[in-house]
């Protein structure tokens, strides 16, 4: 028992000795680190002092010897003042341009508001005439913004977006009118090639009242009397069979669909979306929209 107690006490003493040694080492290390830190701070302080003193000495020498660059500073100040004036002039010009652009956009918006009723209820393609549409009725003068009110960036963006939409709708309307004009010219040319000219009311009444023999006799009488307005009319076209009529109708339908697709392909995505919205078609792709609109 005594030996065990002595061994335990010896182990405790060894542990305490090791703890004391580690504590002493830690204190020595902290003291060394503190000394190094103080030495480094002193060196930094001395370097700052030496740099400050050196700069002051150099300034004093320049002032004493008269080599201070005063003229250079004045030139720099003049250049900066000149640059400020130029920047001010540029900004004033930009402000004037923005004001002019805002006035132009405001006038365009007033025109758009006057014609919004007609644009909102656009006519179908069958009812569109080749001539220009009637002018919108004059309305009261639109309320203008006060001189003190300054438009914001959002207002400019909205106006520019509305102006671009108006230009796009105008372009689509012009393309529609051009397509209808081309279709009308092709139809007239086809009638001229077939020899089918419009008939007068007198000739129509005579055809309805008499048969073909009577018409020939009446034309002979009028030729003897010198009436040339009926002899100018060509003979009526030959009657075709029902099969040929159907075939011709199918060919005309295919040609019409082909021309319509060719016209629709010239429109942009925005124009196709507008047409799909008016016709009640769901827009998925441009090709799908063109095919569905052409088949209407």
Protein backbone atom coordinates (compact mmCIF):
# COMPACT_ATOMS: atom_id res chain seq x y z
CA UNK A 1 0.00 0.00 0.00
CA UNK A 2 2.76 2.43 0.94
CA UNK A 3 4.56 1.73 -2.31
CA UNK A 4 1.42 2.43 -4.32
CA UNK A 5 0.85 5.73 -2.50
CA UNK A 6 4.43 6.78 -3.12
CA UNK A 7 4.12 5.87 -6.80
CA UNK A 8 0.90 7.90 -7.14
CA UNK A 9 2.46 10.89 -5.37
CA UNK A 10 5.50 10.63 -7.62
CA UNK A 11 3.26 10.61 -10.71
CA UNK A 12 1.35 13.64 -9.42
CA UNK A 13 4.59 15.48 -8.80
CA UNK A 14 5.79 14.66 -12.31
CA UNK A 15 2.55 15.99 -13.83
CA UNK A 16 2.76 19.18 -11.79
CA UNK A 17 6.35 19.63 -12.88
CA UNK A 18 5.39 19.23 -16.54
CA UNK A 19 2.52 21.72 -16.12
CA UNK A 20 4.85 24.27 -14.53
CA UNK A 21 7.38 23.84 -17.33
CA UNK A 22 4.70 24.31 -20.01
CA UNK A 23 3.39 27.40 -18.23
CA UNK A 24 6.88 28.88 -18.09
CA UNK A 25 7.43 28.15 -21.78
CA UNK A 26 4.11 29.79 -22.67
CA UNK A 27 4.97 32.90 -20.65
CA UNK A 28 8.39 33.12 -22.28
CA UNK A 29 6.81 32.79 -25.73
CA UNK A 30 4.23 35.51 -24.99
CA UNK A 31 6.97 37.82 -23.73
CA UNK A 32 8.98 37.25 -26.91
CA UNK A 33 5.96 37.91 -29.12
CA UNK A 34 5.15 41.09 -27.21
CA UNK A 35 8.74 42.29 -27.57
CA UNK A 36 8.71 41.57 -31.31
CA UNK A 37 5.40 43.42 -31.71
CA UNK A 38 6.71 46.47 -29.87
CA UNK A 39 9.87 46.41 -31.95
CA UNK A 40 7.85 46.23 -35.18
CA UNK A 41 5.57 49.09 -34.10
CA UNK A 42 8.62 51.17 -33.24
CA UNK A 43 10.13 50.49 -36.65
CA UNK A 44 6.89 51.46 -38.41
CA UNK A 45 6.68 54.64 -36.35
CA UNK A 46 10.26 55.54 -37.19
CA UNK A 47 9.64 54.92 -40.89
CA UNK A 48 6.53 57.13 -40.89
CA UNK A 49 8.35 59.87 -39.03
CA UNK A 50 11.30 59.68 -41.41
CA UNK A 51 9.02 59.83 -44.47
CA UNK A 52 7.09 62.81 -43.07
CA UNK A 53 10.26 64.63 -42.13
CA UNK A 54 11.79 63.88 -45.54
CA UNK A 55 8.75 65.20 -47.40
CA UNK A 56 8.71 68.34 -45.27
CA UNK A 57 12.41 68.88 -45.90
CA UNK A 58 11.92 68.44 -49.65
CA UNK A 59 9.03 70.93 -49.67
CA UNK A 60 11.10 73.41 -47.72
CA UNK A 61 13.99 73.00 -50.13
CA UNK A 62 11.75 73.54 -53.15
CA UNK A 63 10.24 76.65 -51.62
CA UNK A 64 13.66 77.95 -50.65
CA UNK A 65 15.18 77.31 -54.07
CA UNK A 66 12.08 78.64 -55.89
CA UNK A 67 11.29 75.48 -57.79
CA UNK A 68 7.68 75.08 -56.66
CA UNK A 69 5.47 74.12 -59.60
CA UNK A 70 2.88 76.86 -59.09
CA UNK A 71 2.30 77.47 -62.80
CA UNK A 72 1.59 73.81 -63.34
CA UNK A 73 -1.13 73.82 -60.71
CA UNK A 74 -2.76 76.91 -62.24
CA UNK A 75 -2.74 75.27 -65.70
CA UNK A 76 -4.35 72.17 -64.28
CA UNK A 77 -7.03 74.26 -62.60
CA UNK A 78 -7.72 76.06 -65.88
CA UNK A 79 -7.98 72.76 -67.75
CA UNK A 80 -10.38 71.36 -65.19
CA UNK A 81 -12.52 74.51 -65.41
CA UNK A 82 -12.57 74.25 -69.22
CA UNK A 83 -13.55 70.59 -69.05
CA UNK A 84 -16.34 71.43 -66.63
CA UNK A 85 -17.67 74.06 -69.05
CA UNK A 86 -17.59 71.58 -71.95
CA UNK A 87 -19.41 68.96 -69.91
CA UNK A 88 -22.01 71.53 -68.92
CA UNK A 89 -22.58 72.49 -72.57
CA UNK A 90 -22.90 68.83 -73.59
CA UNK A 91 -25.43 68.21 -70.84
CA UNK A 92 -27.45 71.26 -71.88
CA UNK A 93 -27.52 70.03 -75.50
CA UNK A 94 -28.63 66.59 -74.38
CA UNK A 95 -31.40 68.13 -72.28
CA UNK A 96 -32.60 70.17 -75.28
CA UNK A 97 -32.61 67.08 -77.50
CA UNK A 98 -34.55 65.12 -74.90
CA UNK A 99 -37.10 67.92 -74.66
CA UNK A 100 -37.58 67.95 -78.44
CA UNK A 101 -37.90 64.17 -78.50
CA UNK A 102 -40.41 64.30 -75.67
CA UNK A 103 -42.52 66.89 -77.54
CA UNK A 104 -42.48 64.73 -80.67
CA UNK A 105 -43.49 61.62 -78.72
CA UNK A 106 -46.23 63.57 -76.93
CA UNK A 107 -47.68 64.70 -80.27
CA UNK A 108 -47.58 61.14 -81.57
CA UNK A 109 -49.36 59.93 -78.44
CA UNK A 110 -52.08 62.57 -78.94
CA UNK A 111 -52.60 61.29 -82.49
CA UNK A 112 -52.69 57.75 -81.19
CA UNK A 113 -55.32 58.59 -78.57
CA UNK A 114 -57.48 60.28 -81.23
CA UNK A 115 -57.39 57.18 -83.44
CA UNK A 116 -57.54 54.55 -80.68
CA UNK A 117 -61.24 53.91 -81.33
CA UNK A 118 -60.64 52.93 -84.94
CA UNK A 119 -57.49 50.93 -84.20
CA UNK A 120 -59.24 49.03 -81.38
CA UNK A 121 -62.06 47.86 -83.66
CA UNK A 122 -60.11 46.96 -86.75
CA UNK A 123 -62.10 45.71 -89.73
CA UNK A 124 -61.75 42.24 -91.19
CA UNK A 125 -59.65 41.62 -94.30
CA UNK A 126 -62.76 41.19 -96.48
CA UNK A 127 -64.05 44.65 -95.56
CA UNK A 128 -60.77 46.50 -96.00
CA UNK A 129 -60.93 48.84 -98.96
CA UNK A 130 -57.98 49.82 -101.12
CA UNK A 131 -58.61 53.52 -100.67
CA UNK A 132 -57.47 55.31 -97.56
CA UNK A 133 -59.77 55.03 -94.51
CA UNK A 134 -61.86 58.02 -93.43
CA UNK A 135 -60.20 60.51 -91.18
CA UNK A 136 -60.90 60.39 -87.47
CA UNK A 137 -63.25 63.10 -86.20
CA UNK A 138 -61.65 66.06 -84.54
CA UNK A 139 -61.66 65.92 -80.78
CA UNK A 140 -60.95 68.29 -77.99
CA UNK A 141 -57.37 69.36 -77.49
CA UNK A 142 -55.47 66.94 -75.29
CA UNK A 143 -54.32 68.14 -71.91
CA UNK A 144 -50.64 69.02 -72.00
CA UNK A 145 -48.22 68.64 -69.13
CA UNK A 146 -47.27 71.68 -67.13
CA UNK A 147 -43.98 73.43 -67.62
CA UNK A 148 -42.86 72.54 -64.12
CA UNK A 149 -43.55 68.81 -64.57
CA UNK A 150 -40.51 66.86 -65.74
CA UNK A 151 -41.05 63.41 -67.31
CA UNK A 152 -39.29 60.49 -65.72
CA UNK A 153 -37.38 57.66 -67.39
CA UNK A 154 -40.39 55.36 -67.08
CA UNK A 155 -42.57 57.88 -68.93
CA UNK A 156 -40.04 58.04 -71.77
CA UNK A 157 -39.87 54.24 -71.93
CA UNK A 158 -43.68 53.96 -72.05
CA UNK A 159 -43.91 56.59 -74.79
CA UNK A 160 -41.18 54.93 -76.84
CA UNK A 161 -42.88 51.54 -76.48
CA UNK A 162 -46.25 52.98 -77.55
CA UNK A 163 -44.60 54.71 -80.52
CA UNK A 164 -42.92 51.47 -81.64
CA UNK A 165 -46.24 49.61 -81.35
CA UNK A 166 -47.96 52.28 -83.42
CA UNK A 167 -45.26 52.05 -86.10
CA UNK A 168 -45.58 48.26 -86.15
CA UNK A 169 -49.38 48.45 -86.55
CA UNK A 170 -48.98 51.02 -89.32
CA UNK A 171 -46.50 48.75 -91.10
CA UNK A 172 -48.88 45.78 -90.80
CA UNK A 173 -51.77 47.85 -92.18
CA UNK A 174 -49.64 48.99 -95.12
CA UNK A 175 -48.66 45.38 -95.85
CA UNK A 176 -52.33 44.34 -95.74
CA UNK A 177 -53.32 47.12 -98.13
CA UNK A 178 -50.46 46.19 -100.46
CA UNK A 179 -51.49 42.52 -100.40
CA UNK A 180 -55.13 43.40 -101.14
CA UNK A 181 -54.05 45.70 -103.96
CA UNK A 182 -51.92 42.91 -105.47
CA UNK A 183 -54.81 40.44 -105.18
CA UNK A 184 -57.16 42.93 -106.84
CA UNK A 185 -54.70 43.54 -109.69
CA UNK A 186 -54.20 39.80 -110.21
CA UNK A 187 -57.98 39.24 -110.28
CA UNK A 188 -58.48 42.06 -112.82
CA UNK A 189 -55.62 40.74 -114.94
CA UNK A 190 -57.12 37.25 -114.88
CA UNK A 191 -60.50 38.59 -116.00
CA UNK A 192 -58.86 40.57 -118.78
CA UNK A 193 -56.94 37.49 -119.99
CA UNK A 194 -60.17 35.46 -120.02
CA UNK A 195 -61.96 38.20 -121.96
CA UNK A 196 -64.53 38.80 -119.24
CA UNK A 197 -65.15 42.56 -119.20
CA UNK A 198 -67.95 44.20 -117.21
CA UNK A 199 -71.22 44.41 -119.10
CA UNK A 200 -73.56 47.36 -119.35
CA UNK A 201 -76.97 47.39 -117.70
CA UNK A 202 -78.67 47.46 -121.10
CA UNK A 203 -76.88 44.31 -122.25
CA UNK A 204 -77.70 42.59 -118.93
CA UNK A 205 -81.41 43.41 -119.28
CA UNK A 206 -81.41 42.18 -122.86
CA UNK A 207 -79.74 38.89 -121.88
CA UNK A 208 -82.27 38.34 -119.11
CA UNK A 209 -85.24 39.18 -121.40
CA UNK A 210 -84.30 37.29 -124.55
CA UNK A 211 -82.52 34.09 -125.53
CA UNK A 212 -79.28 33.79 -127.50
CA UNK A 213 -80.95 34.07 -130.93
CA UNK A 214 -82.84 37.19 -129.96
CA UNK A 215 -79.60 38.67 -128.66
CA UNK A 216 -77.88 38.02 -132.00
CA UNK A 217 -80.77 39.63 -133.88
CA UNK A 218 -80.78 42.65 -131.60
CA UNK A 219 -77.01 43.00 -132.00
CA UNK A 220 -77.42 42.88 -135.80
CA UNK A 221 -80.06 45.60 -135.68
CA UNK A 222 -77.91 47.78 -133.50
CA UNK A 223 -74.95 47.26 -135.82
CA UNK A 224 -77.04 48.53 -138.73
CA UNK A 225 -78.12 51.54 -136.70
CA UNK A 226 -74.50 52.32 -135.70
CA UNK A 227 -74.77 51.47 -131.98
CA UNK A 228 -71.30 50.14 -131.15
CA UNK A 229 -71.68 49.90 -127.37
CA UNK A 230 -73.19 46.40 -127.62
CA UNK A 231 -70.88 45.01 -130.30
CA UNK A 232 -67.87 45.70 -128.10
CA UNK A 233 -69.05 43.12 -125.53
CA UNK A 234 -67.31 39.78 -126.22
CA UNK A 235 -69.18 36.54 -126.40
CA UNK A 236 -69.96 34.92 -123.02
CA UNK A 237 -67.41 32.34 -121.85
CA UNK A 238 -68.04 28.72 -122.56
CA UNK A 239 -69.68 26.75 -119.82
CA UNK A 240 -67.35 24.27 -118.18
CA UNK A 241 -68.28 21.03 -116.50
CA UNK A 242 -68.74 20.73 -112.77
CA UNK A 243 -65.51 18.76 -112.44
CA UNK A 244 -63.46 21.46 -114.19
CA UNK A 245 -65.12 24.15 -112.09
CA UNK A 246 -64.21 22.32 -108.88
CA UNK A 247 -60.66 21.80 -110.10
CA UNK A 248 -60.32 25.47 -110.95
CA UNK A 249 -61.74 26.46 -107.55
CA UNK A 250 -59.24 24.18 -105.78
CA UNK A 251 -56.37 25.65 -107.81
CA UNK A 252 -57.48 29.18 -106.99
CA UNK A 253 -57.77 28.26 -103.32
CA UNK A 254 -54.25 26.79 -103.29
CA UNK A 255 -52.88 29.87 -105.04
CA UNK A 256 -54.63 32.13 -102.55
CA UNK A 257 -53.27 30.15 -99.57
CA UNK A 258 -49.78 30.23 -101.08
CA UNK A 259 -49.87 34.01 -101.61
CA UNK A 260 -51.30 34.54 -98.12
CA UNK A 261 -48.50 32.49 -96.55
CA UNK A 262 -45.94 34.43 -98.56
CA UNK A 263 -47.40 37.69 -97.26
CA UNK A 264 -47.61 36.44 -93.65
CA UNK A 265 -43.97 35.33 -93.69
CA UNK A 266 -42.98 38.97 -94.19
CA UNK A 267 -44.58 39.89 -90.89
CA UNK A 268 -42.63 39.75 -87.67
CA UNK A 269 -43.49 37.81 -84.55
CA UNK A 270 -45.25 40.82 -83.03
CA UNK A 271 -47.47 41.25 -86.11
CA UNK A 272 -48.40 37.57 -86.12
CA UNK A 273 -49.30 37.75 -82.43
CA UNK A 274 -51.60 40.72 -83.12
CA UNK A 275 -53.34 38.86 -85.97
CA UNK A 276 -53.70 35.70 -83.84
CA UNK A 277 -55.25 37.75 -81.04
CA UNK A 278 -57.78 39.31 -83.42
CA UNK A 279 -58.68 35.98 -85.04
CA UNK A 280 -58.83 34.07 -81.72
CA UNK A 281 -55.91 31.74 -82.53
CA UNK A 282 -53.45 30.50 -79.89
CA UNK A 283 -49.92 31.56 -80.92
CA UNK A 284 -47.34 28.76 -80.42
CA UNK A 285 -44.84 29.15 -83.25
CA UNK A 286 -44.60 31.42 -86.27
CA UNK A 287 -45.07 28.54 -88.73
CA UNK A 288 -48.16 27.27 -86.88
CA UNK A 289 -49.67 30.77 -86.78
CA UNK A 290 -49.02 31.33 -90.52
CA UNK A 291 -50.66 28.02 -91.47
CA UNK A 292 -53.76 28.56 -89.31
CA UNK A 293 -54.26 32.18 -90.44
CA UNK A 294 -53.85 31.22 -94.12
CA UNK A 295 -56.48 28.46 -93.81
CA UNK A 296 -59.14 30.84 -92.41
